[in-house]
Amino acid sequence: MKKLIPYLVLVVVFVFLYIQNSSTTEYIYEIDGNTKKDPLPVFEIKKDKKVFCSECNMMVKKMRNSAQVVTPKGKTYFFNDVGCMIRWINEQKKYDEKELTMYVFVPECSCYIGAHEAWYVRDGITPLGYGVQAFGTYMEAQRSDMIYAPIEFGYTSRKQDNESQKDVYEYDEVKKFILRGETLLHPLVRKKLLKN
């Protein structure tokens, strides 16, 4: 019996810590009161709370591919992938896309910009695997192979010669690709985009 007492004490301590931690952690899917309709500083929110994607329910761990949508009444929704944001907007019946304010995170300034102002590539590494990455300028999107090559997929950079140009898209084009399922999640599209 004496050998079991330390183990029982450890179990009780772990259960106590788990209950206390789970009761004090706040889970955020959306925030009300954003009347200015500006992107919210997710880093500040994440200090005290856990922010989750409104579409796939995964925790927003990195800002790199994240996005935000603000409704006309100032409710801000968070997304960990541009593809999640586009799918969520498509599923909304109570909002017209024209009345929503959409932001995507871009690496050049480590900030959010309007989704329609950004340039996109379709062969990036993203949390859900859609492959859509946003950039603030056309040139940064062109250079993305040099910086963010999809090596983790087992592919090397697409730019094998200096004459090849990377495909760069605007928001409306990327939206069509995602809604049709033409993302890196589709094996044939992945093979075409990454050209191994």
Protein backbone atom coordinates (compact mmCIF):
# COMPACT_ATOMS: atom_id res chain seq x y z
CA MET A 1 0.00 0.00 0.00
CA LYS A 2 2.87 2.39 0.76
CA LYS A 3 4.11 2.03 -2.82
CA LEU A 4 0.77 3.23 -4.22
CA ILE A 5 0.50 6.42 -2.14
CA PRO A 6 2.99 8.50 -4.23
CA TYR A 7 1.21 7.47 -7.43
CA LEU A 8 -2.19 8.37 -6.00
CA VAL A 9 -0.86 11.76 -4.89
CA LEU A 10 0.47 12.41 -8.41
CA VAL A 11 -2.85 11.45 -9.97
CA VAL A 12 -4.75 13.75 -7.62
CA VAL A 13 -2.37 16.65 -8.38
CA PHE A 14 -2.66 16.14 -12.16
CA VAL A 15 -6.46 15.96 -11.97
CA PHE A 16 -6.55 19.13 -9.87
CA LEU A 17 -4.27 21.00 -12.30
CA TYR A 18 -6.26 19.80 -15.31
CA ILE A 19 -9.59 20.91 -13.82
CA GLN A 20 -8.20 24.28 -12.78
CA ASN A 21 -6.56 24.91 -16.18
CA SER A 22 -9.60 23.91 -18.21
CA SER A 23 -11.93 26.07 -16.13
CA THR A 24 -9.82 29.25 -16.46
CA THR A 25 -8.98 28.99 -20.16
CA GLU A 26 -11.30 30.95 -22.42
CA TYR A 27 -11.91 29.69 -25.94
CA ILE A 28 -12.52 32.40 -28.55
CA TYR A 29 -14.21 31.79 -31.92
CA GLU A 30 -15.46 35.33 -32.46
CA ILE A 31 -15.41 38.69 -30.69
CA ASP A 32 -18.19 41.28 -30.62
CA GLY A 33 -17.80 45.05 -30.56
CA ASN A 34 -15.36 45.70 -33.39
CA THR A 35 -17.27 48.76 -34.62
CA LYS A 36 -14.22 50.20 -36.42
CA LYS A 37 -14.05 46.96 -38.46
CA ASP A 38 -10.26 46.84 -38.15
CA PRO A 39 -8.32 43.57 -37.87
CA LEU A 40 -7.87 42.59 -34.24
CA PRO A 41 -4.40 41.90 -32.78
CA VAL A 42 -4.56 38.12 -32.37
CA PHE A 43 -1.21 38.04 -30.53
CA GLU A 44 -2.72 40.16 -27.75
CA ILE A 45 -5.84 37.99 -27.57
CA LYS A 46 -3.76 34.79 -27.42
CA LYS A 47 -1.93 35.89 -24.25
CA ASP A 48 -4.97 35.14 -22.09
CA LYS A 49 -7.18 33.02 -24.30
CA LYS A 50 -7.13 30.35 -27.00
CA VAL A 51 -8.31 31.51 -30.42
CA PHE A 52 -10.01 28.95 -32.66
CA CYS A 53 -10.92 28.90 -36.35
CA SER A 54 -14.64 29.54 -36.91
CA GLU A 55 -14.71 27.07 -39.82
CA CYS A 56 -12.61 24.04 -38.87
CA ASN A 57 -12.45 24.53 -35.06
CA MET A 58 -8.65 24.16 -35.00
CA MET A 59 -6.65 26.46 -32.75
CA VAL A 60 -5.03 29.43 -34.52
CA LYS A 61 -1.42 28.73 -33.55
CA LYS A 62 0.46 30.83 -36.10
CA MET A 63 -0.47 34.08 -37.72
CA ARG A 64 1.30 33.20 -41.00
CA ASN A 65 -1.79 31.99 -42.88
CA SER A 66 -4.54 33.36 -40.66
CA ALA A 67 -7.49 35.51 -41.69
CA GLN A 68 -10.31 37.50 -40.11
CA VAL A 69 -13.82 38.49 -41.16
CA VAL A 70 -15.75 41.38 -39.61
CA THR A 71 -19.53 41.52 -40.00
CA PRO A 72 -21.50 44.77 -40.46
CA LYS A 73 -22.40 44.75 -36.74
CA GLY A 74 -18.74 44.43 -35.68
CA LYS A 75 -18.46 40.72 -34.89
CA THR A 76 -14.97 39.43 -35.78
CA TYR A 77 -14.45 35.79 -36.78
CA PHE A 78 -11.00 34.16 -36.85
CA PHE A 79 -9.58 31.60 -39.30
CA ASN A 80 -6.28 29.70 -39.36
CA ASP A 81 -6.27 29.30 -43.16
CA VAL A 82 -7.40 31.51 -46.05
CA GLY A 83 -9.27 28.50 -47.42
CA CYS A 84 -11.26 28.21 -44.18
CA MET A 85 -12.26 31.87 -44.45
CA ILE A 86 -13.46 31.48 -48.04
CA ARG A 87 -15.43 28.32 -47.25
CA TRP A 88 -17.00 29.94 -44.17
CA ILE A 89 -18.08 33.01 -46.16
CA ASN A 90 -19.59 30.77 -48.85
CA GLU A 91 -21.64 28.89 -46.23
CA GLN A 92 -23.10 32.05 -44.64
CA LYS A 93 -26.71 32.69 -45.57
CA LYS A 94 -27.29 35.77 -43.39
CA TYR A 95 -24.39 37.80 -44.82
CA ASP A 96 -23.68 38.97 -48.33
CA GLU A 97 -19.94 38.84 -49.05
CA LYS A 98 -20.01 42.50 -50.13
CA GLU A 99 -21.00 43.62 -46.63
CA LEU A 100 -18.22 41.65 -44.89
CA THR A 101 -14.77 43.09 -44.22
CA MET A 102 -12.10 40.44 -44.86
CA TYR A 103 -8.44 40.48 -43.80
CA VAL A 104 -5.54 38.13 -44.52
CA PHE A 105 -2.16 38.01 -42.79
CA VAL A 106 0.84 38.87 -44.99
CA PRO A 107 4.48 38.17 -44.06
CA GLU A 108 6.04 41.36 -45.46
CA CYS A 109 4.75 43.56 -42.66
CA SER A 110 3.54 40.82 -40.28
CA CYS A 111 0.13 42.44 -40.38
CA TYR A 112 -3.36 42.03 -41.78
CA ILE A 113 -4.43 43.67 -45.03
CA GLY A 114 -7.69 43.59 -46.96
CA ALA A 115 -8.28 40.26 -48.69
CA HIS A 116 -8.96 42.00 -52.02
CA GLU A 117 -5.68 43.96 -51.77
CA ALA A 118 -3.50 40.87 -51.35
CA TRP A 119 -1.85 38.64 -53.95
CA TYR A 120 -2.02 34.87 -53.59
CA VAL A 121 -0.10 31.75 -54.53
CA ARG A 122 -1.60 28.26 -54.51
CA ASP A 123 1.39 26.08 -53.68
CA GLY A 124 2.21 27.12 -50.12
CA ILE A 125 2.25 25.21 -46.88
CA THR A 126 -0.88 26.05 -44.91
CA PRO A 127 -2.47 24.59 -41.75
CA LEU A 128 -5.37 22.88 -43.56
CA GLY A 129 -3.45 22.09 -46.74
CA TYR A 130 -5.37 24.35 -49.13
CA GLY A 131 -2.02 25.80 -50.22
CA VAL A 132 -3.26 29.39 -50.55
CA GLN A 133 -0.84 31.94 -49.11
CA ALA A 134 -1.37 35.70 -49.12
CA PHE A 135 1.25 38.36 -49.86
CA GLY A 136 1.09 42.13 -49.76
CA THR A 137 2.74 42.68 -53.14
CA TYR A 138 2.88 40.90 -56.46
CA MET A 139 6.70 40.71 -56.26
CA GLU A 140 6.65 39.00 -52.85
CA ALA A 141 4.21 36.43 -54.18
CA GLN A 142 6.57 35.83 -57.14
CA ARG A 143 9.49 35.35 -54.73
CA SER A 144 7.59 32.99 -52.46
CA ASP A 145 9.24 29.91 -54.00
CA MET A 146 12.60 31.14 -52.82
CA ILE A 147 11.36 31.77 -49.30
CA TYR A 148 8.49 29.36 -48.71
CA ALA A 149 9.23 26.43 -51.02
CA PRO A 150 6.96 23.42 -50.38
CA ILE A 151 9.86 21.20 -49.27
CA GLU A 152 7.72 19.73 -46.50
CA PHE A 153 5.57 18.09 -49.19
CA GLY A 154 8.67 16.44 -50.61
CA TYR A 155 8.89 18.86 -53.53
CA THR A 156 11.63 21.27 -54.41
CA SER A 157 11.14 24.79 -55.67
CA ARG A 158 9.21 25.11 -58.93
CA LYS A 159 11.61 27.69 -60.28
CA GLN A 160 14.11 25.54 -62.07
CA ASP A 161 15.12 28.20 -64.59
CA ASN A 162 15.12 31.97 -64.63
CA GLU A 163 12.52 32.20 -67.39
CA SER A 164 9.64 30.56 -65.51
CA GLN A 165 7.12 32.82 -63.85
CA LYS A 166 5.18 31.78 -60.78
CA ASP A 167 1.40 31.94 -61.05
CA VAL A 168 0.03 34.72 -58.83
CA TYR A 169 -3.68 35.27 -58.29
CA GLU A 170 -6.13 37.85 -57.02
CA TYR A 171 -8.75 37.10 -54.36
CA ASP A 172 -11.65 36.33 -56.72
CA GLU A 173 -9.56 33.81 -58.67
CA VAL A 174 -8.39 32.03 -55.51
CA LYS A 175 -11.94 31.96 -54.21
CA LYS A 176 -13.09 30.08 -57.34
CA PHE A 177 -10.27 27.53 -57.00
CA ILE A 178 -11.06 26.82 -53.34
CA LEU A 179 -14.81 26.50 -53.85
CA ARG A 180 -14.25 24.10 -56.78
CA GLY A 181 -11.86 22.00 -54.67
CA GLU A 182 -8.84 22.81 -56.83
CA THR A 183 -6.37 23.00 -53.93
CA LEU A 184 -3.36 21.01 -52.77
CA LEU A 185 -5.80 18.67 -51.04
CA HIS A 186 -6.69 17.24 -54.46
CA PRO A 187 -3.91 14.86 -55.64
CA LEU A 188 -4.08 15.80 -59.34
CA VAL A 189 -4.09 19.51 -58.59
CA ARG A 190 -1.19 19.04 -56.17
CA LYS A 191 0.82 17.25 -58.85
CA LYS A 192 0.10 19.98 -61.39
CA LEU A 193 0.87 22.87 -59.02
CA LEU A 194 4.00 21.44 -57.47
CA LYS A 195 5.35 19.79 -60.66
CA ASN A 196 7.73 17.36 -59.09
